Amino acid sequence: MAHQPAASGTPERTAREAILAEINTSGSISTKICVQRLGIPSATTKRQIAELVTAGLLEKEGAGRSTIYRFVSPDAN
């Protein structure tokens, strides 16, 4: 059974918080983990991750099914 994120605001904010918490805990995340482990709908996962990448908080690593996202390294600039 998928773990549902705790309700602490709007569904979009809750999804974002759950994604960031998972990255903080495990170091990276994939869309598959968001959907299967966190119970976040696929469309919401993709939208939230894209927004976090655009905001400069996450960086994409890999391609296709092996794509993962991590926090941007402080020394990336």
N, C-alpha and C. Protein backbone atom coordinates (compact mmCIF):
# COMPACT_ATOMS: atom_id res chain seq x y z
N MET A 1 0.84 -1.18 0.00
CA MET A 1 0.00 0.00 0.00
C MET A 1 0.88 1.24 0.00
N ALA A 2 0.55 2.23 -0.82
CA ALA A 2 1.34 3.45 -0.94
C ALA A 2 1.16 4.32 0.30
N HIS A 3 2.23 4.95 0.69
CA HIS A 3 2.20 5.89 1.81
C HIS A 3 1.65 7.21 1.31
N GLN A 4 0.62 7.70 1.96
CA GLN A 4 0.03 8.98 1.58
C GLN A 4 0.68 10.10 2.38
N PRO A 5 1.08 11.21 1.70
CA PRO A 5 1.67 12.32 2.43
C PRO A 5 0.66 12.92 3.41
N ALA A 6 1.17 13.40 4.51
CA ALA A 6 0.31 14.02 5.52
C ALA A 6 -0.32 15.29 4.97
N ALA A 7 -1.56 15.51 5.30
CA ALA A 7 -2.26 16.71 4.83
C ALA A 7 -1.78 17.91 5.62
N SER A 8 -1.09 18.81 4.95
CA SER A 8 -0.60 20.02 5.63
C SER A 8 -0.79 21.23 4.74
N GLY A 9 -1.82 21.23 3.94
CA GLY A 9 -2.06 22.34 3.04
C GLY A 9 -2.75 21.83 1.79
N THR A 10 -2.59 22.58 0.72
CA THR A 10 -3.19 22.17 -0.54
C THR A 10 -2.52 20.91 -1.05
N PRO A 11 -3.21 20.16 -1.91
CA PRO A 11 -2.58 18.94 -2.45
C PRO A 11 -1.26 19.22 -3.17
N GLU A 12 -1.17 20.32 -3.91
CA GLU A 12 0.06 20.65 -4.61
C GLU A 12 1.19 20.92 -3.62
N ARG A 13 0.91 21.68 -2.58
CA ARG A 13 1.93 21.98 -1.58
C ARG A 13 2.34 20.72 -0.82
N THR A 14 1.36 19.89 -0.49
CA THR A 14 1.65 18.65 0.21
C THR A 14 2.53 17.75 -0.65
N ALA A 15 2.24 17.66 -1.95
CA ALA A 15 3.05 16.85 -2.86
C ALA A 15 4.47 17.38 -2.91
N ARG A 16 4.62 18.68 -3.01
CA ARG A 16 5.96 19.29 -3.06
C ARG A 16 6.72 19.00 -1.78
N GLU A 17 6.06 19.15 -0.64
CA GLU A 17 6.71 18.89 0.64
C GLU A 17 7.13 17.43 0.75
N ALA A 18 6.29 16.51 0.28
CA ALA A 18 6.61 15.09 0.33
C ALA A 18 7.80 14.77 -0.57
N ILE A 19 7.85 15.37 -1.73
CA ILE A 19 8.96 15.16 -2.67
C ILE A 19 10.26 15.66 -2.04
N LEU A 20 10.24 16.86 -1.51
CA LEU A 20 11.45 17.43 -0.90
C LEU A 20 11.90 16.62 0.32
N ALA A 21 10.95 16.16 1.12
CA ALA A 21 11.29 15.35 2.29
C ALA A 21 11.93 14.04 1.87
N GLU A 22 11.43 13.42 0.82
CA GLU A 22 12.00 12.15 0.34
C GLU A 22 13.42 12.37 -0.17
N ILE A 23 13.65 13.45 -0.90
CA ILE A 23 15.01 13.73 -1.39
C ILE A 23 15.94 14.00 -0.21
N ASN A 24 15.44 14.72 0.77
CA ASN A 24 16.25 15.02 1.96
C ASN A 24 16.64 13.73 2.68
N THR A 25 15.73 12.77 2.72
CA THR A 25 15.97 11.50 3.40
C THR A 25 16.87 10.55 2.60
N SER A 26 16.56 10.38 1.31
CA SER A 26 17.26 9.36 0.53
C SER A 26 18.27 9.90 -0.46
N GLY A 27 18.33 11.22 -0.64
CA GLY A 27 19.35 11.81 -1.51
C GLY A 27 18.91 12.04 -2.94
N SER A 28 17.87 11.32 -3.39
CA SER A 28 17.37 11.51 -4.74
C SER A 28 15.95 10.97 -4.82
N ILE A 29 15.32 11.25 -5.96
CA ILE A 29 13.95 10.76 -6.16
C ILE A 29 13.73 10.54 -7.65
N SER A 30 12.79 9.68 -7.96
CA SER A 30 12.36 9.46 -9.34
C SER A 30 10.85 9.62 -9.39
N THR A 31 10.31 9.76 -10.58
CA THR A 31 8.85 9.86 -10.68
C THR A 31 8.21 8.56 -10.19
N LYS A 32 8.85 7.44 -10.43
CA LYS A 32 8.31 6.14 -10.00
C LYS A 32 8.18 6.09 -8.47
N ILE A 33 9.19 6.58 -7.76
CA ILE A 33 9.13 6.60 -6.29
C ILE A 33 7.99 7.50 -5.83
N CYS A 34 7.83 8.65 -6.48
CA CYS A 34 6.75 9.57 -6.09
C CYS A 34 5.39 8.90 -6.22
N VAL A 35 5.20 8.19 -7.32
CA VAL A 35 3.91 7.56 -7.58
C VAL A 35 3.71 6.34 -6.67
N GLN A 36 4.69 5.44 -6.63
CA GLN A 36 4.52 4.19 -5.91
C GLN A 36 4.68 4.32 -4.41
N ARG A 37 5.70 4.99 -3.94
CA ARG A 37 5.98 5.06 -2.51
C ARG A 37 5.22 6.18 -1.82
N LEU A 38 5.13 7.34 -2.49
CA LEU A 38 4.51 8.50 -1.85
C LEU A 38 3.04 8.64 -2.20
N GLY A 39 2.57 7.93 -3.23
CA GLY A 39 1.16 8.00 -3.60
C GLY A 39 0.75 9.28 -4.29
N ILE A 40 1.70 9.96 -4.91
CA ILE A 40 1.41 11.21 -5.61
C ILE A 40 1.06 10.87 -7.06
N PRO A 41 -0.04 11.42 -7.59
CA PRO A 41 -0.39 11.14 -8.98
C PRO A 41 0.74 11.52 -9.95
N SER A 42 0.86 10.77 -11.03
CA SER A 42 1.93 10.96 -12.00
C SER A 42 1.98 12.39 -12.55
N ALA A 43 0.84 12.93 -12.94
CA ALA A 43 0.80 14.29 -13.51
C ALA A 43 1.28 15.32 -12.48
N THR A 44 0.85 15.15 -11.23
CA THR A 44 1.27 16.07 -10.17
C THR A 44 2.77 15.95 -9.93
N THR A 45 3.28 14.71 -9.92
CA THR A 45 4.71 14.47 -9.73
C THR A 45 5.52 15.18 -10.79
N LYS A 46 5.16 14.97 -12.03
CA LYS A 46 5.90 15.58 -13.15
C LYS A 46 5.86 17.10 -13.08
N ARG A 47 4.70 17.66 -12.77
CA ARG A 47 4.55 19.12 -12.68
C ARG A 47 5.40 19.68 -11.53
N GLN A 48 5.31 19.04 -10.36
CA GLN A 48 6.05 19.53 -9.19
C GLN A 48 7.57 19.44 -9.42
N ILE A 49 8.04 18.32 -9.96
CA ILE A 49 9.47 18.17 -10.21
C ILE A 49 9.93 19.20 -11.24
N ALA A 50 9.16 19.41 -12.30
CA ALA A 50 9.52 20.41 -13.31
C ALA A 50 9.63 21.80 -12.69
N GLU A 51 8.70 22.14 -11.82
CA GLU A 51 8.74 23.44 -11.14
C GLU A 51 9.97 23.56 -10.24
N LEU A 52 10.32 22.49 -9.55
CA LEU A 52 11.49 22.51 -8.67
C LEU A 52 12.80 22.60 -9.47
N VAL A 53 12.84 21.97 -10.64
CA VAL A 53 14.02 22.07 -11.51
C VAL A 53 14.11 23.50 -12.05
N THR A 54 13.01 24.05 -12.53
CA THR A 54 12.98 25.41 -13.06
C THR A 54 13.39 26.43 -12.00
N ALA A 55 12.99 26.19 -10.75
CA ALA A 55 13.32 27.09 -9.65
C ALA A 55 14.79 26.96 -9.22
N GLY A 56 15.50 25.97 -9.77
CA GLY A 56 16.90 25.79 -9.44
C GLY A 56 17.16 25.01 -8.17
N LEU A 57 16.14 24.35 -7.64
CA LEU A 57 16.31 23.56 -6.41
C LEU A 57 16.78 22.14 -6.70
N LEU A 58 16.32 21.57 -7.82
CA LEU A 58 16.67 20.21 -8.19
C LEU A 58 17.42 20.19 -9.51
N GLU A 59 18.24 19.15 -9.67
CA GLU A 59 18.90 18.92 -10.94
C GLU A 59 18.55 17.52 -11.42
N LYS A 60 18.45 17.39 -12.73
CA LYS A 60 18.09 16.12 -13.36
C LYS A 60 19.35 15.34 -13.66
N GLU A 61 19.30 14.04 -13.42
CA GLU A 61 20.43 13.17 -13.71
C GLU A 61 19.91 11.93 -14.43
N GLY A 62 20.46 11.64 -15.60
CA GLY A 62 20.03 10.49 -16.37
C GLY A 62 18.95 10.85 -17.36
N ALA A 63 18.38 9.81 -17.98
CA ALA A 63 17.33 10.01 -18.98
C ALA A 63 16.38 8.82 -18.97
N GLY A 64 15.18 9.06 -19.46
CA GLY A 64 14.19 7.99 -19.54
C GLY A 64 13.81 7.45 -18.18
N ARG A 65 13.62 6.15 -18.11
CA ARG A 65 13.20 5.52 -16.85
C ARG A 65 14.24 5.60 -15.75
N SER A 66 15.49 5.84 -16.12
CA SER A 66 16.54 5.91 -15.10
C SER A 66 16.77 7.33 -14.59
N THR A 67 15.93 8.27 -14.97
CA THR A 67 16.08 9.66 -14.52
C THR A 67 15.82 9.78 -13.03
N ILE A 68 16.73 10.46 -12.34
CA ILE A 68 16.53 10.79 -10.93
C ILE A 68 16.75 12.29 -10.77
N TYR A 69 16.30 12.80 -9.65
CA TYR A 69 16.44 14.22 -9.33
C TYR A 69 17.08 14.34 -7.97
N ARG A 70 18.01 15.27 -7.86
CA ARG A 70 18.72 15.55 -6.61
C ARG A 70 18.70 17.05 -6.36
N PHE A 71 19.00 17.42 -5.10
CA PHE A 71 19.18 18.84 -4.81
C PHE A 71 20.38 19.34 -5.60
N VAL A 72 20.32 20.57 -6.06
CA VAL A 72 21.42 21.17 -6.80
C VAL A 72 22.62 21.29 -5.85
N SER A 73 23.78 20.89 -6.31
CA SER A 73 25.00 20.99 -5.52
C SER A 73 25.36 22.45 -5.32
N PRO A 74 25.77 22.83 -4.10
CA PRO A 74 26.13 24.23 -3.84
C PRO A 74 27.29 24.70 -4.73
N ASP A 75 28.16 23.79 -5.14
CA ASP A 75 29.31 24.17 -5.95
C ASP A 75 29.04 24.03 -7.44
N ALA A 76 27.75 23.93 -7.85
CA ALA A 76 27.40 23.73 -9.27
C ALA A 76 27.67 24.97 -10.10
N ASN A 77 27.79 26.11 -9.49
CA ASN A 77 28.02 27.35 -10.26
C ASN A 77 29.46 27.64 -10.39
